[in-house]
Amino acid sequence: METKQMLEQELQTIRRWEQEQKDLWFWEKLGRLPFKVLDKLTPSIVHKKLGQLLDELGSYIQSGGQYLVKEEKILEKLGVPSLEQAAQLPLATMDRVCDELIDARVTFAQLQGATTGVGGALTLAIDIPALLGLALKTLQEIAIVYGYNPKEKKERIFIVKCLQFASSDIVGKKAILDQLTSFSNHHQQVFSQLQGWREVMMTFRDQYGWKKLLQSVPIVGMIFGSVYNKMFIEDIAETGKMLYRKRRILERLHSLEDDV
């Protein structure tokens, strides 16, 4: 098992990543500009789908929704029969399996984006719920890899906060990191701050500003859809890996301190 020094080094790596996330790229700011105009031009079916997603995400927090993954398959990849044993695995094993899962999900997202991009803006009605579902599944799989149970309400809250973090601006990222710093002991407080899932969905919706613009052109939308979906799932997966990894490292450090 890892030593205290090794865990502290890994924790510093994650904290450097957190600091980097507080810098918002220019194109991310620019990407939100066309949304208000394009929103009026968006087909009503897309707005309807977004409304349904608000309800689904709320349902996900309350009951697990329809996105739960098969725990057994992830445990099989880890080579252990239970979550309790998964939580005791070396970080190197967790990281390896996590990276394999991320690669598979990113590849799938690329194909999905290319497929739904063929038809232009109308196919966003298919792509938006599919992409959100894939993001939630990816985060659930990462939770299991690091020994956490996504069926528990507090983990579903954590997953939605990861989703929110990945699509937030500088101020939002800092606020979420502050909330998640003490998540294990104060998850009920985090839940009360969520206004949760509606804020997440509005932010998620805003990210589609440029996608709506470019995906309105068939074929061009196929290329952009593939690239966008790839980048989106990469960001979601990186966020999930870093934040779940941080929780596991902190718990192990606390455990080592208690043993002293």
C-alpha atoms as a PDB file:
ATOM      1  CA  MET A   1       0.000   0.000   0.000  1.00  0.00           C
ATOM      2  CA  GLU A   2       1.087   3.580  -0.590  1.00  0.00           C
ATOM      3  CA  THR A   3       3.136   5.469   1.994  1.00  0.00           C
ATOM      4  CA  LYS A   4       2.057   8.812   3.440  1.00  0.00           C
ATOM      5  CA  GLN A   5       4.721  10.577   1.358  1.00  0.00           C
ATOM      6  CA  MET A   6       3.485   8.954  -1.861  1.00  0.00           C
ATOM      7  CA  LEU A   7      -0.116   9.910  -1.117  1.00  0.00           C
ATOM      8  CA  GLU A   8       0.835  13.501  -0.334  1.00  0.00           C
ATOM      9  CA  GLN A   9       2.732  13.739  -3.641  1.00  0.00           C
ATOM     10  CA  GLU A  10      -0.316  12.475  -5.530  1.00  0.00           C
ATOM     11  CA  LEU A  11      -2.494  14.961  -3.657  1.00  0.00           C
ATOM     12  CA  GLN A  12      -0.216  17.825  -4.751  1.00  0.00           C
ATOM     13  CA  THR A  13      -0.598  16.694  -8.374  1.00  0.00           C
ATOM     14  CA  ILE A  14      -4.380  16.907  -8.051  1.00  0.00           C
ATOM     15  CA  ARG A  15      -4.190  20.330  -6.388  1.00  0.00           C
ATOM     16  CA  ARG A  16      -2.091  21.642  -9.285  1.00  0.00           C
ATOM     17  CA  TRP A  17      -4.785  20.352 -11.640  1.00  0.00           C
ATOM     18  CA  GLU A  18      -7.442  22.125  -9.569  1.00  0.00           C
ATOM     19  CA  GLN A  19      -5.517  25.390  -9.853  1.00  0.00           C
ATOM     20  CA  GLU A  20      -5.314  25.003 -13.632  1.00  0.00           C
ATOM     21  CA  GLN A  21      -9.091  24.567 -13.804  1.00  0.00           C
ATOM     22  CA  LYS A  22      -9.595  28.066 -12.438  1.00  0.00           C
ATOM     23  CA  ASP A  23      -8.303  29.582 -15.687  1.00  0.00           C
ATOM     24  CA  LEU A  24     -11.062  29.959 -18.269  1.00  0.00           C
ATOM     25  CA  TRP A  25      -9.905  29.834 -21.865  1.00  0.00           C
ATOM     26  CA  PHE A  26     -10.932  32.673 -24.189  1.00  0.00           C
ATOM     27  CA  TRP A  27     -12.751  30.321 -26.571  1.00  0.00           C
ATOM     28  CA  GLU A  28     -14.840  29.010 -23.666  1.00  0.00           C
ATOM     29  CA  LYS A  29     -16.048  32.544 -22.951  1.00  0.00           C
ATOM     30  CA  LEU A  30     -16.635  33.169 -26.638  1.00  0.00           C
ATOM     31  CA  GLY A  31     -18.492  29.900 -27.014  1.00  0.00           C
ATOM     32  CA  ARG A  32     -21.353  31.180 -24.897  1.00  0.00           C
ATOM     33  CA  LEU A  33     -22.005  34.305 -26.963  1.00  0.00           C
ATOM     34  CA  PRO A  34     -24.115  32.830 -29.763  1.00  0.00           C
ATOM     35  CA  PHE A  35     -26.417  30.941 -27.441  1.00  0.00           C
ATOM     36  CA  LYS A  36     -28.989  33.656 -26.757  1.00  0.00           C
ATOM     37  CA  VAL A  37     -29.462  34.352 -30.446  1.00  0.00           C
ATOM     38  CA  LEU A  38     -29.445  30.729 -31.521  1.00  0.00           C
ATOM     39  CA  ASP A  39     -31.818  29.757 -28.743  1.00  0.00           C
ATOM     40  CA  LYS A  40     -34.632  31.482 -30.622  1.00  0.00           C
ATOM     41  CA  LEU A  41     -33.779  29.509 -33.764  1.00  0.00           C
ATOM     42  CA  THR A  42     -33.546  26.133 -32.054  1.00  0.00           C
ATOM     43  CA  PRO A  43     -36.254  23.634 -33.030  1.00  0.00           C
ATOM     44  CA  SER A  44     -38.938  23.227 -30.363  1.00  0.00           C
ATOM     45  CA  ILE A  45     -38.173  19.506 -30.115  1.00  0.00           C
ATOM     46  CA  VAL A  46     -34.700  20.361 -28.759  1.00  0.00           C
ATOM     47  CA  HIS A  47     -36.204  22.638 -26.094  1.00  0.00           C
ATOM     48  CA  LYS A  48     -38.622  19.838 -25.191  1.00  0.00           C
ATOM     49  CA  LYS A  49     -35.756  17.386 -24.794  1.00  0.00           C
ATOM     50  CA  LEU A  50     -33.886  19.810 -22.556  1.00  0.00           C
ATOM     51  CA  GLY A  51     -36.964  20.161 -20.368  1.00  0.00           C
ATOM     52  CA  GLN A  52     -37.184  16.386 -20.067  1.00  0.00           C
ATOM     53  CA  LEU A  53     -33.508  16.263 -19.103  1.00  0.00           C
ATOM     54  CA  LEU A  54     -34.150  18.645 -16.207  1.00  0.00           C
ATOM     55  CA  ASP A  55     -36.694  16.181 -14.849  1.00  0.00           C
ATOM     56  CA  GLU A  56     -34.452  13.172 -15.515  1.00  0.00           C
ATOM     57  CA  LEU A  57     -31.482  14.719 -13.739  1.00  0.00           C
ATOM     58  CA  GLY A  58     -33.679  15.520 -10.751  1.00  0.00           C
ATOM     59  CA  SER A  59     -34.922  11.942 -10.790  1.00  0.00           C
ATOM     60  CA  TYR A  60     -31.324  10.730 -10.992  1.00  0.00           C
ATOM     61  CA  ILE A  61     -30.404  12.522  -7.772  1.00  0.00           C
ATOM     62  CA  GLN A  62     -33.475  11.232  -5.951  1.00  0.00           C
ATOM     63  CA  SER A  63     -33.580   7.614  -7.102  1.00  0.00           C
ATOM     64  CA  GLY A  64     -30.670   6.836  -9.426  1.00  0.00           C
ATOM     65  CA  GLY A  65     -32.648   7.482 -12.585  1.00  0.00           C
ATOM     66  CA  GLN A  66     -32.067   5.265 -15.584  1.00  0.00           C
ATOM     67  CA  TYR A  67     -28.306   5.614 -15.865  1.00  0.00           C
ATOM     68  CA  LEU A  68     -26.995   3.128 -13.313  1.00  0.00           C
ATOM     69  CA  VAL A  69     -24.162   1.000 -14.629  1.00  0.00           C
ATOM     70  CA  LYS A  70     -23.550  -2.665 -13.847  1.00  0.00           C
ATOM     71  CA  GLU A  71     -21.258  -2.693 -10.857  1.00  0.00           C
ATOM     72  CA  GLU A  72     -20.200  -6.291 -11.478  1.00  0.00           C
ATOM     73  CA  LYS A  73     -18.552  -5.483 -14.810  1.00  0.00           C
ATOM     74  CA  ILE A  74     -16.394  -2.757 -13.301  1.00  0.00           C
ATOM     75  CA  LEU A  75     -15.432  -4.931 -10.327  1.00  0.00           C
ATOM     76  CA  GLU A  76     -14.464  -7.686 -12.764  1.00  0.00           C
ATOM     77  CA  LYS A  77     -12.064  -5.290 -14.484  1.00  0.00           C
ATOM     78  CA  LEU A  78     -10.602  -4.446 -11.070  1.00  0.00           C
ATOM     79  CA  GLY A  79     -10.295  -8.133 -10.214  1.00  0.00           C
ATOM     80  CA  VAL A  80     -12.231  -7.944  -6.938  1.00  0.00           C
ATOM     81  CA  PRO A  81     -15.709  -9.181  -5.895  1.00  0.00           C
ATOM     82  CA  SER A  82     -16.914  -6.160  -3.893  1.00  0.00           C
ATOM     83  CA  LEU A  83     -16.725  -2.372  -3.579  1.00  0.00           C
ATOM     84  CA  GLU A  84     -15.193  -2.746  -0.130  1.00  0.00           C
ATOM     85  CA  GLN A  85     -12.262  -4.622  -1.640  1.00  0.00           C
ATOM     86  CA  ALA A  86     -12.052  -2.226  -4.572  1.00  0.00           C
ATOM     87  CA  ALA A  87     -11.546   0.611  -2.085  1.00  0.00           C
ATOM     88  CA  GLN A  88      -8.448  -1.169  -0.746  1.00  0.00           C
ATOM     89  CA  LEU A  89      -6.718  -1.589  -4.115  1.00  0.00           C
ATOM     90  CA  PRO A  90      -3.500   0.332  -4.873  1.00  0.00           C
ATOM     91  CA  LEU A  91      -4.018   3.681  -6.593  1.00  0.00           C
ATOM     92  CA  ALA A  92      -1.985   2.446  -9.560  1.00  0.00           C
ATOM     93  CA  THR A  93      -4.544  -0.318 -10.191  1.00  0.00           C
ATOM     94  CA  MET A  94      -7.465   2.088  -9.840  1.00  0.00           C
ATOM     95  CA  ASP A  95      -5.808   4.574 -12.215  1.00  0.00           C
ATOM     96  CA  ARG A  96      -5.084   1.923 -14.850  1.00  0.00           C
ATOM     97  CA  VAL A  97      -8.664   0.633 -14.954  1.00  0.00           C
ATOM     98  CA  CYS A  98     -10.019   4.183 -14.855  1.00  0.00           C
ATOM     99  CA  ASP A  99      -7.910   5.195 -17.863  1.00  0.00           C
ATOM    100  CA  GLU A 100      -9.068   2.121 -19.806  1.00  0.00           C
ATOM    101  CA  LEU A 101     -12.710   2.991 -19.136  1.00  0.00           C
ATOM    102  CA  ILE A 102     -12.155   6.632 -20.091  1.00  0.00           C
ATOM    103  CA  ASP A 103     -10.550   5.658 -23.404  1.00  0.00           C
ATOM    104  CA  ALA A 104     -13.528   3.449 -24.244  1.00  0.00           C
ATOM    105  CA  ARG A 105     -16.077   6.139 -23.353  1.00  0.00           C
ATOM    106  CA  VAL A 106     -14.247   8.854 -25.290  1.00  0.00           C
ATOM    107  CA  THR A 107     -14.126   6.652 -28.399  1.00  0.00           C
ATOM    108  CA  PHE A 108     -17.837   5.938 -28.067  1.00  0.00           C
ATOM    109  CA  ALA A 109     -18.574   9.667 -27.647  1.00  0.00           C
ATOM    110  CA  GLN A 110     -16.694  10.451 -30.861  1.00  0.00           C
ATOM    111  CA  LEU A 111     -18.718   7.933 -32.837  1.00  0.00           C
ATOM    112  CA  GLN A 112     -21.947   9.146 -31.277  1.00  0.00           C
ATOM    113  CA  GLY A 113     -21.159  12.782 -32.100  1.00  0.00           C
ATOM    114  CA  ALA A 114     -20.308  11.939 -35.702  1.00  0.00           C
ATOM    115  CA  THR A 115     -23.493   9.908 -36.139  1.00  0.00           C
ATOM    116  CA  THR A 116     -25.838  12.535 -34.723  1.00  0.00           C
ATOM    117  CA  GLY A 117     -23.976  15.301 -36.567  1.00  0.00           C
ATOM    118  CA  VAL A 118     -24.891  13.953 -39.994  1.00  0.00           C
ATOM    119  CA  GLY A 119     -28.382  15.430 -39.882  1.00  0.00           C
ATOM    120  CA  GLY A 120     -27.552  18.914 -38.653  1.00  0.00           C
ATOM    121  CA  ALA A 121     -29.357  20.790 -35.871  1.00  0.00           C
ATOM    122  CA  LEU A 122     -32.400  18.519 -35.746  1.00  0.00           C
ATOM    123  CA  THR A 123     -30.330  15.574 -34.506  1.00  0.00           C
ATOM    124  CA  LEU A 124     -29.342  17.556 -31.397  1.00  0.00           C
ATOM    125  CA  ALA A 125     -32.619  16.244 -29.970  1.00  0.00           C
ATOM    126  CA  ILE A 126     -30.979  12.812 -30.030  1.00  0.00           C
ATOM    127  CA  ASP A 127     -27.447  13.853 -29.179  1.00  0.00           C
ATOM    128  CA  ILE A 128     -28.125  15.966 -26.073  1.00  0.00           C
ATOM    129  CA  PRO A 129     -29.775  13.272 -23.903  1.00  0.00           C
ATOM    130  CA  ALA A 130     -27.388  10.624 -25.232  1.00  0.00           C
ATOM    131  CA  LEU A 131     -24.349  12.716 -24.312  1.00  0.00           C
ATOM    132  CA  LEU A 132     -25.667  13.518 -20.838  1.00  0.00           C
ATOM    133  CA  GLY A 133     -26.423   9.843 -20.269  1.00  0.00           C
ATOM    134  CA  LEU A 134     -22.900   8.904 -21.336  1.00  0.00           C
ATOM    135  CA  ALA A 135     -21.420  11.544 -19.021  1.00  0.00           C
ATOM    136  CA  LEU A 136     -23.369  10.205 -16.040  1.00  0.00           C
ATOM    137  CA  LYS A 137     -22.434   6.606 -16.841  1.00  0.00           C
ATOM    138  CA  THR A 138     -18.772   7.544 -17.153  1.00  0.00           C
ATOM    139  CA  LEU A 139     -18.773   9.282 -13.771  1.00  0.00           C
ATOM    140  CA  GLN A 140     -20.555   6.334 -12.153  1.00  0.00           C
ATOM    141  CA  GLU A 141     -17.960   3.934 -13.519  1.00  0.00           C
ATOM    142  CA  ILE A 142     -15.167   6.130 -12.160  1.00  0.00           C
ATOM    143  CA  ALA A 143     -16.869   6.206  -8.763  1.00  0.00           C
ATOM    144  CA  ILE A 144     -16.913   2.395  -8.643  1.00  0.00           C
ATOM    145  CA  VAL A 145     -13.269   2.183  -9.750  1.00  0.00           C
ATOM    146  CA  TYR A 146     -12.249   4.261  -6.735  1.00  0.00           C
ATOM    147  CA  GLY A 147     -14.426   2.240  -4.381  1.00  0.00           C
ATOM    148  CA  TYR A 148     -17.536   4.428  -4.070  1.00  0.00           C
ATOM    149  CA  ASN A 149     -21.120   3.326  -4.582  1.00  0.00           C
ATOM    150  CA  PRO A 150     -23.002   5.472  -7.142  1.00  0.00           C
ATOM    151  CA  LYS A 151     -26.301   4.006  -5.927  1.00  0.00           C
ATOM    152  CA  GLU A 152     -25.941   6.031  -2.723  1.00  0.00           C
ATOM    153  CA  LYS A 153     -27.601   9.432  -2.792  1.00  0.00           C
ATOM    154  CA  LYS A 154     -24.527  11.293  -1.582  1.00  0.00           C
ATOM    155  CA  GLU A 155     -22.501   9.813  -4.464  1.00  0.00           C
ATOM    156  CA  ARG A 156     -25.167  10.815  -6.966  1.00  0.00           C
ATOM    157  CA  ILE A 157     -24.908  14.343  -5.597  1.00  0.00           C
ATOM    158  CA  PHE A 158     -21.121  14.209  -5.942  1.00  0.00           C
ATOM    159  CA  ILE A 159     -21.444  12.998  -9.540  1.00  0.00           C
ATOM    160  CA  VAL A 160     -23.772  15.858 -10.456  1.00  0.00           C
ATOM    161  CA  LYS A 161     -21.319  18.301  -8.855  1.00  0.00           C
ATOM    162  CA  CYS A 162     -18.572  16.795 -11.038  1.00  0.00           C
ATOM    163  CA  LEU A 163     -20.779  17.349 -14.068  1.00  0.00           C
ATOM    164  CA  GLN A 164     -21.415  20.914 -12.949  1.00  0.00           C
ATOM    165  CA  PHE A 165     -17.707  21.531 -12.344  1.00  0.00           C
ATOM    166  CA  ALA A 166     -16.717  20.380 -15.829  1.00  0.00           C
ATOM    167  CA  SER A 167     -19.011  22.911 -17.494  1.00  0.00           C
ATOM    168  CA  SER A 168     -18.601  25.845 -15.073  1.00  0.00           C
ATOM    169  CA  ASP A 169     -16.676  29.080 -15.487  1.00  0.00           C
ATOM    170  CA  ILE A 170     -13.840  30.226 -13.229  1.00  0.00           C
ATOM    171  CA  VAL A 171     -16.083  31.454 -10.393  1.00  0.00           C
ATOM    172  CA  GLY A 172     -18.197  28.301 -10.539  1.00  0.00           C
ATOM    173  CA  LYS A 173     -15.195  25.975 -10.460  1.00  0.00           C
ATOM    174  CA  LYS A 174     -13.766  27.701  -7.383  1.00  0.00           C
ATOM    175  CA  ALA A 175     -17.104  27.559  -5.569  1.00  0.00           C
ATOM    176  CA  ILE A 176     -17.583  23.865  -6.368  1.00  0.00           C
ATOM    177  CA  LEU A 177     -14.048  22.966  -5.268  1.00  0.00           C
ATOM    178  CA  ASP A 178     -14.691  24.771  -1.979  1.00  0.00           C
ATOM    179  CA  GLN A 179     -17.913  22.798  -1.521  1.00  0.00           C
ATOM    180  CA  LEU A 180     -16.318  19.455  -2.359  1.00  0.00           C
ATOM    181  CA  THR A 181     -13.328  19.993  -0.067  1.00  0.00           C
ATOM    182  CA  SER A 182     -15.431  18.881   2.892  1.00  0.00           C
ATOM    183  CA  PHE A 183     -17.923  16.797   0.946  1.00  0.00           C
ATOM    184  CA  SER A 184     -17.518  13.572   2.902  1.00  0.00           C
ATOM    185  CA  ASN A 185     -18.548  15.233   6.153  1.00  0.00           C
ATOM    186  CA  HIS A 186     -20.991  17.818   4.821  1.00  0.00           C
ATOM    187  CA  HIS A 187     -22.701  16.304   1.790  1.00  0.00           C
ATOM    188  CA  GLN A 188     -26.128  17.390   3.027  1.00  0.00           C
ATOM    189  CA  GLN A 189     -24.974  21.010   2.934  1.00  0.00           C
ATOM    190  CA  VAL A 190     -23.663  20.502  -0.597  1.00  0.00           C
ATOM    191  CA  PHE A 191     -27.051  19.101  -1.577  1.00  0.00           C
ATOM    192  CA  SER A 192     -28.845  22.173  -0.255  1.00  0.00           C
ATOM    193  CA  GLN A 193     -26.535  24.365  -2.357  1.00  0.00           C
ATOM    194  CA  LEU A 194     -27.316  22.437  -5.537  1.00  0.00           C
ATOM    195  CA  GLN A 195     -30.473  24.268  -6.555  1.00  0.00           C
ATOM    196  CA  GLY A 196     -28.627  21.763  -8.060  1.00  0.00           C
ATOM    197  CA  TRP A 197     -29.511  20.010 -11.055  1.00  0.00           C
ATOM    198  CA  ARG A 198     -31.422  22.862 -12.711  1.00  0.00           C
ATOM    199  CA  GLU A 199     -28.340  25.058 -12.539  1.00  0.00           C
ATOM    200  CA  VAL A 200     -26.297  22.180 -13.925  1.00  0.00           C
ATOM    201  CA  MET A 201     -28.662  21.701 -16.838  1.00  0.00           C
ATOM    202  CA  MET A 202     -28.786  25.379 -17.726  1.00  0.00           C
ATOM    203  CA  THR A 203     -25.004  25.479 -17.809  1.00  0.00           C
ATOM    204  CA  PHE A 204     -24.936  22.228 -19.777  1.00  0.00           C
ATOM    205  CA  ARG A 205     -27.412  23.723 -22.245  1.00  0.00           C
ATOM    206  CA  ASP A 206     -25.348  26.889 -22.692  1.00  0.00           C
ATOM    207  CA  GLN A 207     -22.354  24.824 -23.761  1.00  0.00           C
ATOM    208  CA  TYR A 208     -24.237  23.927 -26.924  1.00  0.00           C
ATOM    209  CA  GLY A 209     -24.062  27.475 -28.321  1.00  0.00           C
ATOM    210  CA  TRP A 210     -21.389  26.810 -30.944  1.00  0.00           C
ATOM    211  CA  LYS A 211     -22.542  23.265 -31.459  1.00  0.00           C
ATOM    212  CA  LYS A 212     -25.972  24.491 -32.523  1.00  0.00           C
ATOM    213  CA  LEU A 213     -24.370  26.954 -34.900  1.00  0.00           C
ATOM    214  CA  LEU A 214     -22.036  24.480 -36.616  1.00  0.00           C
ATOM    215  CA  GLN A 215     -24.251  21.454 -36.402  1.00  0.00           C
ATOM    216  CA  SER A 216     -26.947  23.295 -38.337  1.00  0.00           C
ATOM    217  CA  VAL A 217     -24.831  22.475 -41.391  1.00  0.00           C
ATOM    218  CA  PRO A 218     -25.100  18.763 -42.293  1.00  0.00           C
ATOM    219  CA  ILE A 219     -21.792  16.881 -42.696  1.00  0.00           C
ATOM    220  CA  VAL A 220     -19.858  19.794 -41.115  1.00  0.00           C
ATOM    221  CA  GLY A 221     -21.920  18.988 -38.036  1.00  0.00           C
ATOM    222  CA  MET A 222     -20.658  15.411 -38.210  1.00  0.00           C
ATOM    223  CA  ILE A 223     -17.033  16.527 -37.857  1.00  0.00           C
ATOM    224  CA  PHE A 224     -17.711  19.110 -35.187  1.00  0.00           C
ATOM    225  CA  GLY A 225     -20.079  16.799 -33.312  1.00  0.00           C
ATOM    226  CA  SER A 226     -17.367  14.149 -33.091  1.00  0.00           C
ATOM    227  CA  VAL A 227     -14.752  16.614 -31.810  1.00  0.00           C
ATOM    228  CA  TYR A 228     -17.128  18.311 -29.366  1.00  0.00           C
ATOM    229  CA  ASN A 229     -18.379  15.058 -27.847  1.00  0.00           C
ATOM    230  CA  LYS A 230     -14.815  13.777 -27.492  1.00  0.00           C
ATOM    231  CA  MET A 231     -13.691  16.924 -25.672  1.00  0.00           C
ATOM    232  CA  PHE A 232     -16.800  17.004 -23.483  1.00  0.00           C
ATOM    233  CA  ILE A 233     -16.420  13.415 -22.244  1.00  0.00           C
ATOM    234  CA  GLU A 234     -12.655  13.896 -21.802  1.00  0.00           C
ATOM    235  CA  ASP A 235     -13.324  16.911 -19.557  1.00  0.00           C
ATOM    236  CA  ILE A 236     -16.032  15.086 -17.597  1.00  0.00           C
ATOM    237  CA  ALA A 237     -13.859  11.997 -17.161  1.00  0.00           C
ATOM    238  CA  GLU A 238     -10.790  13.983 -16.105  1.00  0.00           C
ATOM    239  CA  THR A 239     -12.871  15.852 -13.529  1.00  0.00           C
ATOM    240  CA  GLY A 240     -14.365  12.632 -12.162  1.00  0.00           C
ATOM    241  CA  LYS A 241     -10.999  10.896 -11.971  1.00  0.00           C
ATOM    242  CA  MET A 242      -9.261  13.784 -10.233  1.00  0.00           C
ATOM    243  CA  LEU A 243     -11.995  14.504  -7.692  1.00  0.00           C
ATOM    244  CA  TYR A 244     -12.707  10.860  -6.817  1.00  0.00           C
ATOM    245  CA  ARG A 245      -8.987  10.155  -6.679  1.00  0.00           C
ATOM    246  CA  LYS A 246      -8.550  13.088  -4.309  1.00  0.00           C
ATOM    247  CA  ARG A 247     -11.246  11.719  -1.989  1.00  0.00           C
ATOM    248  CA  ARG A 248      -9.612   8.292  -1.897  1.00  0.00           C
ATOM    249  CA  ILE A 249      -6.172   9.783  -1.202  1.00  0.00           C
ATOM    250  CA  LEU A 250      -7.487  12.021   1.592  1.00  0.00           C
ATOM    251  CA  GLU A 251      -9.294   9.098   3.224  1.00  0.00           C
ATOM    252  CA  ARG A 252      -6.109   7.024   3.149  1.00  0.00           C
ATOM    253  CA  LEU A 253      -4.069   9.866   4.607  1.00  0.00           C
ATOM    254  CA  HIS A 254      -6.605  10.262   7.417  1.00  0.00           C
ATOM    255  CA  SER A 255      -6.467   6.534   8.014  1.00  0.00           C
ATOM    256  CA  LEU A 256      -2.666   6.615   8.279  1.00  0.00           C
ATOM    257  CA  GLU A 257      -2.860   9.521  10.742  1.00  0.00           C
ATOM    258  CA  ASP A 258      -5.375   7.619  12.867  1.00  0.00           C
ATOM    259  CA  ASP A 259      -3.058   4.613  12.974  1.00  0.00           C
ATOM    260  CA  VAL A 260      -0.168   6.687  14.326  1.00  0.00           C
END
